[in-house]
Structure formats: C-alpha cells, structure tokens
C-alpha cells in the first residue's frame, strides 16, 4: 500500500479477494486482514 494520499494497493494473485491491506495514518499502523485462510497461507 502506498503511503501517499492515493493509498493504492497491490496484491499477490494467491490472496486476491481474501486479504485486504489498509493503513491508519493517525496511528502509523498498517494492517493485513486475512479471511478464508488456507493451509498454504502458513508462513512467517
């Protein structure tokens, strides 16, 4: 996710439609919401 005002996002094909990246500028925090998790998502 870009940190400018546009905040455009990009995703790997394997997670499109399941994961959402977002940011809270007031908290300087980036989030990754992961839904419909699969065993192949296992990783660090």
ModelCIF file with pLDDT and N, C-alpha, C, O atoms, coordinates in Angstrom:
data_MODEL
#
_entry.id   MODEL 
#
_entity.id                         1 
_entity.type                       polymer 
_entity.pdbx_number_of_molecules   1 
#
_entity_poly.entity_id                      1 
_entity_poly.type                           'polypeptide(L)' 
_entity_poly.nstd_linkage                   no 
_entity_poly.nstd_monomer                   no 
_entity_poly.pdbx_seq_one_letter_code       
;(UNK)(UNK)(UNK)(UNK)(UNK)(UNK)(UNK)(UNK)(UNK)(UNK)(UNK)(UNK)(UNK)(UNK)(UNK)(UNK)
(UNK)(UNK)(UNK)(UNK)(UNK)(UNK)(UNK)(UNK)(UNK)(UNK)(UNK)(UNK)(UNK)(UNK)(UNK)(UNK)
(UNK)(UNK)(UNK)(UNK)(UNK)(UNK)(UNK)(UNK)(UNK)(UNK)(UNK)(UNK)
;
_entity_poly.pdbx_seq_one_letter_code_can   XXXXXXXXXXXXXXXXXXXXXXXXXXXXXXXXXXXXXXXXXXXX 
_entity_poly.pdbx_strand_id                 A 
#
loop_
_entity_poly_seq.entity_id 
_entity_poly_seq.num 
_entity_poly_seq.mon_id 
_entity_poly_seq.hetero 
1 1  UNK n 
1 2  UNK n 
1 3  UNK n 
1 4  UNK n 
1 5  UNK n 
1 6  UNK n 
1 7  UNK n 
1 8  UNK n 
1 9  UNK n 
1 10 UNK n 
1 11 UNK n 
1 12 UNK n 
1 13 UNK n 
1 14 UNK n 
1 15 UNK n 
1 16 UNK n 
1 17 UNK n 
1 18 UNK n 
1 19 UNK n 
1 20 UNK n 
1 21 UNK n 
1 22 UNK n 
1 23 UNK n 
1 24 UNK n 
1 25 UNK n 
1 26 UNK n 
1 27 UNK n 
1 28 UNK n 
1 29 UNK n 
1 30 UNK n 
1 31 UNK n 
1 32 UNK n 
1 33 UNK n 
1 34 UNK n 
1 35 UNK n 
1 36 UNK n 
1 37 UNK n 
1 38 UNK n 
1 39 UNK n 
1 40 UNK n 
1 41 UNK n 
1 42 UNK n 
1 43 UNK n 
1 44 UNK n 
#
_struct_asym.id          A 
_struct_asym.entity_id   1 
#
loop_
_ma_qa_metric.id 
_ma_qa_metric.mode 
_ma_qa_metric.name 
_ma_qa_metric.software_group_id 
_ma_qa_metric.type 
1 global pLDDT . pLDDT 
2 local  pLDDT . pLDDT 
#
_ma_qa_metric_global.metric_id      1 
_ma_qa_metric_global.metric_value   94.11 
_ma_qa_metric_global.model_id       1 
_ma_qa_metric_global.ordinal_id     1 
#
loop_
_ma_qa_metric_local.label_asym_id 
_ma_qa_metric_local.label_comp_id 
_ma_qa_metric_local.label_seq_id 
_ma_qa_metric_local.metric_id 
_ma_qa_metric_local.metric_value 
_ma_qa_metric_local.model_id 
_ma_qa_metric_local.ordinal_id 
A UNK 1  2 96.00 1 1  
A UNK 2  2 93.00 1 2  
A UNK 3  2 87.00 1 3  
A UNK 4  2 79.00 1 4  
A UNK 5  2 73.00 1 5  
A UNK 6  2 81.00 1 6  
A UNK 7  2 89.00 1 7  
A UNK 8  2 94.00 1 8  
A UNK 9  2 97.00 1 9  
A UNK 10 2 97.00 1 10 
A UNK 11 2 98.00 1 11 
A UNK 12 2 98.00 1 12 
A UNK 13 2 97.00 1 13 
A UNK 14 2 97.00 1 14 
A UNK 15 2 98.00 1 15 
A UNK 16 2 97.00 1 16 
A UNK 17 2 97.00 1 17 
A UNK 18 2 98.00 1 18 
A UNK 19 2 98.00 1 19 
A UNK 20 2 98.00 1 20 
A UNK 21 2 98.00 1 21 
A UNK 22 2 96.00 1 22 
A UNK 23 2 94.00 1 23 
A UNK 24 2 91.00 1 24 
A UNK 25 2 83.00 1 25 
A UNK 26 2 85.00 1 26 
A UNK 27 2 87.00 1 27 
A UNK 28 2 88.00 1 28 
A UNK 29 2 93.00 1 29 
A UNK 30 2 96.00 1 30 
A UNK 31 2 97.00 1 31 
A UNK 32 2 98.00 1 32 
A UNK 33 2 98.00 1 33 
A UNK 34 2 98.00 1 34 
A UNK 35 2 98.00 1 35 
A UNK 36 2 98.00 1 36 
A UNK 37 2 98.00 1 37 
A UNK 38 2 98.00 1 38 
A UNK 39 2 97.00 1 39 
A UNK 40 2 96.00 1 40 
A UNK 41 2 98.00 1 41 
A UNK 42 2 98.00 1 42 
A UNK 43 2 98.00 1 43 
A UNK 44 2 98.00 1 44 
#
loop_
_atom_site.group_PDB 
_atom_site.id 
_atom_site.type_symbol 
_atom_site.label_atom_id 
_atom_site.label_alt_id 
_atom_site.label_comp_id 
_atom_site.label_asym_id 
_atom_site.label_entity_id 
_atom_site.label_seq_id 
_atom_site.pdbx_PDB_ins_code 
_atom_site.Cartn_x 
_atom_site.Cartn_y 
_atom_site.Cartn_z 
_atom_site.occupancy 
_atom_site.B_iso_or_equiv 
_atom_site.pdbx_formal_charge 
_atom_site.auth_seq_id 
_atom_site.auth_comp_id 
_atom_site.auth_asym_id 
_atom_site.auth_atom_id 
_atom_site.pdbx_PDB_model_num 
ATOM 1   N N  . UNK A 1 1  ? 0.848   -1.178  0.000  1.00 96.00 ? 1  UNK A N  1 
ATOM 2   C CA . UNK A 1 1  ? 0.000   0.000   0.000  1.00 96.00 ? 1  UNK A CA 1 
ATOM 3   C C  . UNK A 1 1  ? 0.887   1.233   0.000  1.00 96.00 ? 1  UNK A C  1 
ATOM 4   O O  . UNK A 1 1  ? 1.856   1.305   0.756  1.00 96.00 ? 1  UNK A O  1 
ATOM 5   N N  . UNK A 1 2  ? 0.560   2.202   -0.844 1.00 93.00 ? 2  UNK A N  1 
ATOM 6   C CA . UNK A 1 2  ? 1.309   3.450   -0.865 1.00 93.00 ? 2  UNK A CA 1 
ATOM 7   C C  . UNK A 1 2  ? 0.940   4.296   0.338  1.00 93.00 ? 2  UNK A C  1 
ATOM 8   O O  . UNK A 1 2  ? -0.189  4.249   0.826  1.00 93.00 ? 2  UNK A O  1 
ATOM 9   N N  . UNK A 1 3  ? 1.907   5.070   0.809  1.00 87.00 ? 3  UNK A N  1 
ATOM 10  C CA . UNK A 1 3  ? 1.685   5.903   1.987  1.00 87.00 ? 3  UNK A CA 1 
ATOM 11  C C  . UNK A 1 3  ? 1.256   7.317   1.641  1.00 87.00 ? 3  UNK A C  1 
ATOM 12  O O  . UNK A 1 3  ? 1.005   8.114   2.544  1.00 87.00 ? 3  UNK A O  1 
ATOM 13  N N  . UNK A 1 4  ? 1.165   7.656   0.354  1.00 79.00 ? 4  UNK A N  1 
ATOM 14  C CA . UNK A 1 4  ? 0.683   8.967   -0.051 1.00 79.00 ? 4  UNK A CA 1 
ATOM 15  C C  . UNK A 1 4  ? -0.840  9.005   0.019  1.00 79.00 ? 4  UNK A C  1 
ATOM 16  O O  . UNK A 1 4  ? -1.480  8.040   0.435  1.00 79.00 ? 4  UNK A O  1 
ATOM 17  N N  . UNK A 1 5  ? -1.411  10.141  -0.398 1.00 73.00 ? 5  UNK A N  1 
ATOM 18  C CA . UNK A 1 5  ? -2.854  10.322  -0.256 1.00 73.00 ? 5  UNK A CA 1 
ATOM 19  C C  . UNK A 1 5  ? -3.661  9.344   -1.092 1.00 73.00 ? 5  UNK A C  1 
ATOM 20  O O  . UNK A 1 5  ? -4.794  9.014   -0.741 1.00 73.00 ? 5  UNK A O  1 
ATOM 21  N N  . UNK A 1 6  ? -3.084  8.876   -2.200 1.00 81.00 ? 6  UNK A N  1 
ATOM 22  C CA . UNK A 1 6  ? -3.791  7.926   -3.038 1.00 81.00 ? 6  UNK A CA 1 
ATOM 23  C C  . UNK A 1 6  ? -4.008  6.585   -2.365 1.00 81.00 ? 6  UNK A C  1 
ATOM 24  O O  . UNK A 1 6  ? -5.090  6.006   -2.459 1.00 81.00 ? 6  UNK A O  1 
ATOM 25  N N  . UNK A 1 7  ? -2.978  6.089   -1.683 1.00 89.00 ? 7  UNK A N  1 
ATOM 26  C CA . UNK A 1 7  ? -3.097  4.842   -0.957 1.00 89.00 ? 7  UNK A CA 1 
ATOM 27  C C  . UNK A 1 7  ? -3.409  3.638   -1.819 1.00 89.00 ? 7  UNK A C  1 
ATOM 28  O O  . UNK A 1 7  ? -4.127  2.739   -1.383 1.00 89.00 ? 7  UNK A O  1 
ATOM 29  N N  . UNK A 1 8  ? -2.886  3.600   -3.033 1.00 94.00 ? 8  UNK A N  1 
ATOM 30  C CA . UNK A 1 8  ? -3.154  2.489   -3.931 1.00 94.00 ? 8  UNK A CA 1 
ATOM 31  C C  . UNK A 1 8  ? -2.563  1.199   -3.377 1.00 94.00 ? 8  UNK A C  1 
ATOM 32  O O  . UNK A 1 8  ? -1.549  1.214   -2.679 1.00 94.00 ? 8  UNK A O  1 
ATOM 33  N N  . UNK A 1 9  ? -3.211  0.088   -3.697 1.00 97.00 ? 9  UNK A N  1 
ATOM 34  C CA . UNK A 1 9  ? -2.821  -1.210  -3.161 1.00 97.00 ? 9  UNK A CA 1 
ATOM 35  C C  . UNK A 1 9  ? -2.532  -2.201  -4.276 1.00 97.00 ? 9  UNK A C  1 
ATOM 36  O O  . UNK A 1 9  ? -3.010  -2.052  -5.400 1.00 97.00 ? 9  UNK A O  1 
ATOM 37  N N  . UNK A 1 10 ? -1.741  -3.214  -3.945 1.00 97.00 ? 10 UNK A N  1 
ATOM 38  C CA . UNK A 1 10 ? -1.443  -4.319  -4.844 1.00 97.00 ? 10 UNK A CA 1 
ATOM 39  C C  . UNK A 1 10 ? -1.436  -5.607  -4.048 1.00 97.00 ? 10 UNK A C  1 
ATOM 40  O O  . UNK A 1 10 ? -1.072  -5.624  -2.872 1.00 97.00 ? 10 UNK A O  1 
ATOM 41  N N  . UNK A 1 11 ? -1.848  -6.703  -4.707 1.00 98.00 ? 11 UNK A N  1 
ATOM 42  C CA . UNK A 1 11 ? -1.940  -7.993  -4.048 1.00 98.00 ? 11 UNK A CA 1 
ATOM 43  C C  . UNK A 1 11 ? -1.359  -9.089  -4.917 1.00 98.00 ? 11 UNK A C  1 
ATOM 44  O O  . UNK A 1 11 ? -1.428  -9.033  -6.144 1.00 98.00 ? 11 UNK A O  1 
ATOM 45  N N  . UNK A 1 12 ? -0.787  -10.085 -4.265 1.00 98.00 ? 12 UNK A N  1 
ATOM 46  C CA . UNK A 1 12 ? -0.418  -11.298 -4.967 1.00 98.00 ? 12 UNK A CA 1 
ATOM 47  C C  . UNK A 1 12 ? -1.681  -12.004 -5.447 1.00 98.00 ? 12 UNK A C  1 
ATOM 48  O O  . UNK A 1 12 ? -2.721  -11.947 -4.790 1.00 98.00 ? 12 UNK A O  1 
ATOM 49  N N  . UNK A 1 13 ? -1.585  -12.667 -6.595 1.00 97.00 ? 13 UNK A N  1 
ATOM 50  C CA . UNK A 1 13 ? -2.752  -13.357 -7.145 1.00 97.00 ? 13 UNK A CA 1 
ATOM 51  C C  . UNK A 1 13 ? -3.325  -14.379 -6.165 1.00 97.00 ? 13 UNK A C  1 
ATOM 52  O O  . UNK A 1 13 ? -4.537  -14.593 -6.129 1.00 97.00 ? 13 UNK A O  1 
ATOM 53  N N  . UNK A 1 14 ? -2.469  -15.001 -5.380 1.00 97.00 ? 14 UNK A N  1 
ATOM 54  C CA . UNK A 1 14 ? -2.900  -16.055 -4.482 1.00 97.00 ? 14 UNK A CA 1 
ATOM 55  C C  . UNK A 1 14 ? -3.773  -15.565 -3.329 1.00 97.00 ? 14 UNK A C  1 
ATOM 56  O O  . UNK A 1 14 ? -4.451  -16.367 -2.687 1.00 97.00 ? 14 UNK A O  1 
ATOM 57  N N  . UNK A 1 15 ? -3.766  -14.255 -3.057 1.00 98.00 ? 15 UNK A N  1 
ATOM 58  C CA . UNK A 1 15 ? -4.527  -13.732 -1.928 1.00 98.00 ? 15 UNK A CA 1 
ATOM 59  C C  . UNK A 1 15 ? -5.610  -12.753 -2.346 1.00 98.00 ? 15 UNK A C  1 
ATOM 60  O O  . UNK A 1 15 ? -6.363  -12.278 -1.495 1.00 98.00 ? 15 UNK A O  1 
ATOM 61  N N  . UNK A 1 16 ? -5.712  -12.439 -3.623 1.00 97.00 ? 16 UNK A N  1 
ATOM 62  C CA . UNK A 1 16 ? -6.724  -11.501 -4.088 1.00 97.00 ? 16 UNK A CA 1 
ATOM 63  C C  . UNK A 1 16 ? -8.125  -11.999 -3.736 1.00 97.00 ? 16 UNK A C  1 
ATOM 64  O O  . UNK A 1 16 ? -8.450  -13.170 -3.931 1.00 97.00 ? 16 UNK A O  1 
ATOM 65  N N  . UNK A 1 17 ? -8.935  -11.099 -3.220 1.00 97.00 ? 17 UNK A N  1 
ATOM 66  C CA . UNK A 1 17 ? -10.286 -11.446 -2.821 1.00 97.00 ? 17 UNK A CA 1 
ATOM 67  C C  . UNK A 1 17 ? -10.396 -11.998 -1.423 1.00 97.00 ? 17 UNK A C  1 
ATOM 68  O O  . UNK A 1 17 ? -11.503 -12.124 -0.900 1.00 97.00 ? 17 UNK A O  1 
ATOM 69  N N  . UNK A 1 18 ? -9.269  -12.337 -0.794 1.00 98.00 ? 18 UNK A N  1 
ATOM 70  C CA . UNK A 1 18 ? -9.272  -12.881 0.559  1.00 98.00 ? 18 UNK A CA 1 
ATOM 71  C C  . UNK A 1 18 ? -8.585  -11.970 1.567  1.00 98.00 ? 18 UNK A C  1 
ATOM 72  O O  . UNK A 1 18 ? -9.024  -11.868 2.712  1.00 98.00 ? 18 UNK A O  1 
ATOM 73  N N  . UNK A 1 19 ? -7.510  -11.307 1.147  1.00 98.00 ? 19 UNK A N  1 
ATOM 74  C CA . UNK A 1 19 ? -6.735  -10.445 2.036  1.00 98.00 ? 19 UNK A CA 1 
ATOM 75  C C  . UNK A 1 19 ? -6.993  -8.985  1.683  1.00 98.00 ? 19 UNK A C  1 
ATOM 76  O O  . UNK A 1 19 ? -7.235  -8.648  0.524  1.00 98.00 ? 19 UNK A O  1 
ATOM 77  N N  . UNK A 1 20 ? -6.938  -8.126  2.694  1.00 98.00 ? 20 UNK A N  1 
ATOM 78  C CA . UNK A 1 20 ? -7.083  -6.693  2.498  1.00 98.00 ? 20 UNK A CA 1 
ATOM 79  C C  . UNK A 1 20 ? -6.023  -5.963  3.307  1.00 98.00 ? 20 UNK A C  1 
ATOM 80  O O  . UNK A 1 20 ? -5.908  -6.163  4.516  1.00 98.00 ? 20 UNK A O  1 
ATOM 81  N N  . UNK A 1 21 ? -5.248  -5.115  2.635  1.00 98.00 ? 21 UNK A N  1 
ATOM 82  C CA . UNK A 1 21 ? -4.264  -4.297  3.315  1.00 98.00 ? 21 UNK A CA 1 
ATOM 83  C C  . UNK A 1 21 ? -4.840  -2.899  3.504  1.00 98.00 ? 21 UNK A C  1 
ATOM 84  O O  . UNK A 1 21 ? -5.514  -2.378  2.616  1.00 98.00 ? 21 UNK A O  1 
ATOM 85  N N  . UNK A 1 22 ? -4.579  -2.300  4.644  1.00 96.00 ? 22 UNK A N  1 
ATOM 86  C CA . UNK A 1 22 ? -5.079  -0.970  4.938  1.00 96.00 ? 22 UNK A CA 1 
ATOM 87  C C  . UNK A 1 22 ? -4.109  -0.271  5.880  1.00 96.00 ? 22 UNK A C  1 
ATOM 88  O O  . UNK A 1 22 ? -3.180  -0.887  6.404  1.00 96.00 ? 22 UNK A O  1 
ATOM 89  N N  . UNK A 1 23 ? -4.334  1.016   6.086  1.00 94.00 ? 23 UNK A N  1 
ATOM 90  C CA . UNK A 1 23 ? -3.468  1.767   6.986  1.00 94.00 ? 23 UNK A CA 1 
ATOM 91  C C  . UNK A 1 23 ? -4.265  2.792   7.762  1.00 94.00 ? 23 UNK A C  1 
ATOM 92  O O  . UNK A 1 23 ? -5.273  3.310   7.280  1.00 94.00 ? 23 UNK A O  1 
ATOM 93  N N  . UNK A 1 24 ? -3.808  3.080   8.959  1.00 91.00 ? 24 UNK A N  1 
ATOM 94  C CA . UNK A 1 24 ? -4.359  4.123   9.801  1.00 91.00 ? 24 UNK A CA 1 
ATOM 95  C C  . UNK A 1 24 ? -3.255  5.154   9.973  1.00 91.00 ? 24 UNK A C  1 
ATOM 96  O O  . UNK A 1 24 ? -2.320  4.946   10.746 1.00 91.00 ? 24 UNK A O  1 
ATOM 97  N N  . UNK A 1 25 ? -3.361  6.254   9.259  1.00 83.00 ? 25 UNK A N  1 
ATOM 98  C CA . UNK A 1 25 ? -2.296  7.247   9.247  1.00 83.00 ? 25 UNK A CA 1 
ATOM 99  C C  . UNK A 1 25 ? -2.105  7.906   10.610 1.00 83.00 ? 25 UNK A C  1 
ATOM 100 O O  . UNK A 1 25 ? -0.989  8.287   10.964 1.00 83.00 ? 25 UNK A O  1 
ATOM 101 N N  . UNK A 1 26 ? -3.190  8.043   11.376 1.00 85.00 ? 26 UNK A N  1 
ATOM 102 C CA . UNK A 1 26 ? -3.083  8.674   12.685 1.00 85.00 ? 26 UNK A CA 1 
ATOM 103 C C  . UNK A 1 26 ? -2.308  7.815   13.665 1.00 85.00 ? 26 UNK A C  1 
ATOM 104 O O  . UNK A 1 26 ? -1.731  8.339   14.618 1.00 85.00 ? 26 UNK A O  1 
ATOM 105 N N  . UNK A 1 27 ? -2.282  6.514   13.454 1.00 87.00 ? 27 UNK A N  1 
ATOM 106 C CA . UNK A 1 27 ? -1.572  5.588   14.331 1.00 87.00 ? 27 UNK A CA 1 
ATOM 107 C C  . UNK A 1 27 ? -0.288  5.049   13.713 1.00 87.00 ? 27 UNK A C  1 
ATOM 108 O O  . UNK A 1 27 ? 0.425   4.272   14.347 1.00 87.00 ? 27 UNK A O  1 
ATOM 109 N N  . UNK A 1 28 ? 0.013   5.455   12.476 1.00 88.00 ? 28 UNK A N  1 
ATOM 110 C CA . UNK A 1 28 ? 1.183   4.949   11.757 1.00 88.00 ? 28 UNK A CA 1 
ATOM 111 C C  . UNK A 1 28 ? 1.216   3.424   11.770 1.00 88.00 ? 28 UNK A C  1 
ATOM 112 O O  . UNK A 1 28 ? 2.247   2.811   12.048 1.00 88.00 ? 28 UNK A O  1 
ATOM 113 N N  . UNK A 1 29 ? 0.078   2.834   11.466 1.00 93.00 ? 29 UNK A N  1 
ATOM 114 C CA . UNK A 1 29 ? -0.069  1.390   11.523 1.00 93.00 ? 29 UNK A CA 1 
ATOM 115 C C  . UNK A 1 29 ? -0.658  0.857   10.227 1.00 93.00 ? 29 UNK A C  1 
ATOM 116 O O  . UNK A 1 29 ? -1.596  1.431   9.674  1.00 93.00 ? 29 UNK A O  1 
ATOM 117 N N  . UNK A 1 30 ? -0.099  -0.241  9.754  1.00 96.00 ? 30 UNK A N  1 
ATOM 118 C CA . UNK A 1 30 ? -0.595  -0.943  8.580  1.00 96.00 ? 30 UNK A CA 1 
ATOM 119 C C  . UNK A 1 30 ? -1.181  -2.271  9.028  1.00 96.00 ? 30 UNK A C  1 
ATOM 120 O O  . UNK A 1 30 ? -0.636  -2.933  9.912  1.00 96.00 ? 30 UNK A O  1 
ATOM 121 N N  . UNK A 1 31 ? -2.292  -2.658  8.415  1.00 97.00 ? 31 UNK A N  1 
ATOM 122 C CA . UNK A 1 31 ? -2.988  -3.878  8.781  1.00 97.00 ? 31 UNK A CA 1 
ATOM 123 C C  . UNK A 1 31 ? -3.084  -4.816  7.589  1.00 97.00 ? 31 UNK A C  1 
ATOM 124 O O  . UNK A 1 31 ? -3.075  -4.383  6.436  1.00 97.00 ? 31 UNK A O  1 
ATOM 125 N N  . UNK A 1 32 ? -3.173  -6.092  7.883  1.00 98.00 ? 32 UNK A N  1 
ATOM 126 C CA . UNK A 1 32 ? -3.471  -7.092  6.873  1.00 98.00 ? 32 UNK A CA 1 
ATOM 127 C C  . UNK A 1 32 ? -4.599  -7.965  7.401  1.00 98.00 ? 32 UNK A C  1 
ATOM 128 O O  . UNK A 1 32 ? -4.390  -8.809  8.273  1.00 98.00 ? 32 UNK A O  1 
ATOM 129 N N  . UNK A 1 33 ? -5.799  -7.755  6.865  1.00 98.00 ? 33 UNK A N  1 
ATOM 130 C CA . UNK A 1 33 ? -6.944  -8.577  7.218  1.00 98.00 ? 33 UNK A CA 1 
ATOM 131 C C  . UNK A 1 33 ? -6.950  -9.800  6.321  1.00 98.00 ? 33 UNK A C  1 
ATOM 132 O O  . UNK A 1 33 ? -7.022  -9.674  5.099  1.00 98.00 ? 33 UNK A O  1 
ATOM 133 N N  . UNK A 1 34 ? -6.876  -10.978 6.915  1.00 98.00 ? 34 UNK A N  1 
ATOM 134 C CA . UNK A 1 34 ? -6.798  -12.231 6.181  1.00 98.00 ? 34 UNK A CA 1 
ATOM 135 C C  . UNK A 1 34 ? -8.050  -13.046 6.452  1.00 98.00 ? 34 UNK A C  1 
ATOM 136 O O  . UNK A 1 34 ? -8.299  -13.462 7.583  1.00 98.00 ? 34 UNK A O  1 
ATOM 137 N N  . UNK A 1 35 ? -8.835  -13.270 5.412  1.00 98.00 ? 35 UNK A N  1 
ATOM 138 C CA . UNK A 1 35 ? -10.055 -14.051 5.502  1.00 98.00 ? 35 UNK A CA 1 
ATOM 139 C C  . UNK A 1 35 ? -9.933  -15.310 4.652  1.00 98.00 ? 35 UNK A C  1 
ATOM 140 O O  . UNK A 1 35 ? -9.066  -15.408 3.783  1.00 98.00 ? 35 UNK A O  1 
ATOM 141 N N  . UNK A 1 36 ? -10.808 -16.263 4.916  1.00 98.00 ? 36 UNK A N  1 
ATOM 142 C CA . UNK A 1 36 ? -10.825 -17.524 4.166  1.00 98.00 ? 36 UNK A CA 1 
ATOM 143 C C  . UNK A 1 36 ? -9.438  -18.144 4.086  1.00 98.00 ? 36 UNK A C  1 
ATOM 144 O O  . UNK A 1 36 ? -8.982  -18.534 3.011  1.00 98.00 ? 36 UNK A O  1 
ATOM 145 N N  . UNK A 1 37 ? -8.781  -18.228 5.218  1.00 98.00 ? 37 UNK A N  1 
ATOM 146 C CA . UNK A 1 37 ? -7.405  -18.711 5.255  1.00 98.00 ? 37 UNK A CA 1 
ATOM 147 C C  . UNK A 1 37 ? -7.312  -20.172 4.836  1.00 98.00 ? 37 UNK A C  1 
ATOM 148 O O  . UNK A 1 37 ? -8.195  -20.980 5.121  1.00 98.00 ? 37 UNK A O  1 
ATOM 149 N N  . UNK A 1 38 ? -6.220  -20.484 4.152  1.00 98.00 ? 38 UNK A N  1 
ATOM 150 C CA . UNK A 1 38 ? -5.945  -21.821 3.657  1.00 98.00 ? 38 UNK A CA 1 
ATOM 151 C C  . UNK A 1 38 ? -4.642  -22.325 4.257  1.00 98.00 ? 38 UNK A C  1 
ATOM 152 O O  . UNK A 1 38 ? -3.800  -21.520 4.655  1.00 98.00 ? 38 UNK A O  1 
ATOM 153 N N  . UNK A 1 39 ? -4.455  -23.649 4.331  1.00 97.00 ? 39 UNK A N  1 
ATOM 154 C CA . UNK A 1 39 ? -3.185  -24.172 4.847  1.00 97.00 ? 39 UNK A CA 1 
ATOM 155 C C  . UNK A 1 39 ? -1.969  -23.637 4.099  1.00 97.00 ? 39 UNK A C  1 
ATOM 156 O O  . UNK A 1 39 ? -0.910  -23.461 4.703  1.00 97.00 ? 39 UNK A O  1 
ATOM 157 N N  . UNK A 1 40 ? -2.094  -23.376 2.810  1.00 96.00 ? 40 UNK A N  1 
ATOM 158 C CA . UNK A 1 40 ? -0.971  -22.852 2.049  1.00 96.00 ? 40 UNK A CA 1 
ATOM 159 C C  . UNK A 1 40 ? -0.614  -21.413 2.404  1.00 96.00 ? 40 UNK A C  1 
ATOM 160 O O  . UNK A 1 40 ? 0.404   -20.899 1.940  1.00 96.00 ? 40 UNK A O  1 
ATOM 161 N N  . UNK A 1 41 ? -1.429  -20.762 3.213  1.00 98.00 ? 41 UNK A N  1 
ATOM 162 C CA . UNK A 1 41 ? -1.094  -19.434 3.718  1.00 98.00 ? 41 UNK A CA 1 
ATOM 163 C C  . UNK A 1 41 ? -0.120  -19.501 4.894  1.00 98.00 ? 41 UNK A C  1 
ATOM 164 O O  . UNK A 1 41 ? 0.379   -18.467 5.338  1.00 98.00 ? 41 UNK A O  1 
ATOM 165 N N  . UNK A 1 42 ? 0.152   -20.689 5.397  1.00 98.00 ? 42 UNK A N  1 
ATOM 166 C CA . UNK A 1 42 ? 1.060   -20.854 6.527  1.00 98.00 ? 42 UNK A CA 1 
ATOM 167 C C  . UNK A 1 42 ? 2.448   -20.339 6.171  1.00 98.00 ? 42 UNK A C  1 
ATOM 168 O O  . UNK A 1 42 ? 3.043   -20.772 5.184  1.00 98.00 ? 42 UNK A O  1 
ATOM 169 N N  . UNK A 1 43 ? 2.960   -19.418 6.974  1.00 98.00 ? 43 UNK A N  1 
ATOM 170 C CA . UNK A 1 43 ? 4.263   -18.807 6.727  1.00 98.00 ? 43 UNK A CA 1 
ATOM 171 C C  . UNK A 1 43 ? 4.567   -17.827 7.846  1.00 98.00 ? 43 UNK A C  1 
ATOM 172 O O  . UNK A 1 43 ? 3.715   -17.527 8.683  1.00 98.00 ? 43 UNK A O  1 
ATOM 173 N N  . UNK A 1 44 ? 5.798   -17.334 7.845  1.00 98.00 ? 44 UNK A N  1 
ATOM 174 C CA . UNK A 1 44 ? 6.146   -16.186 8.663  1.00 98.00 ? 44 UNK A CA 1 
ATOM 175 C C  . UNK A 1 44 ? 5.857   -14.944 7.836  1.00 98.00 ? 44 UNK A C  1 
ATOM 176 O O  . UNK A 1 44 ? 6.068   -13.826 8.305  1.00 98.00 ? 44 UNK A O  1 
#
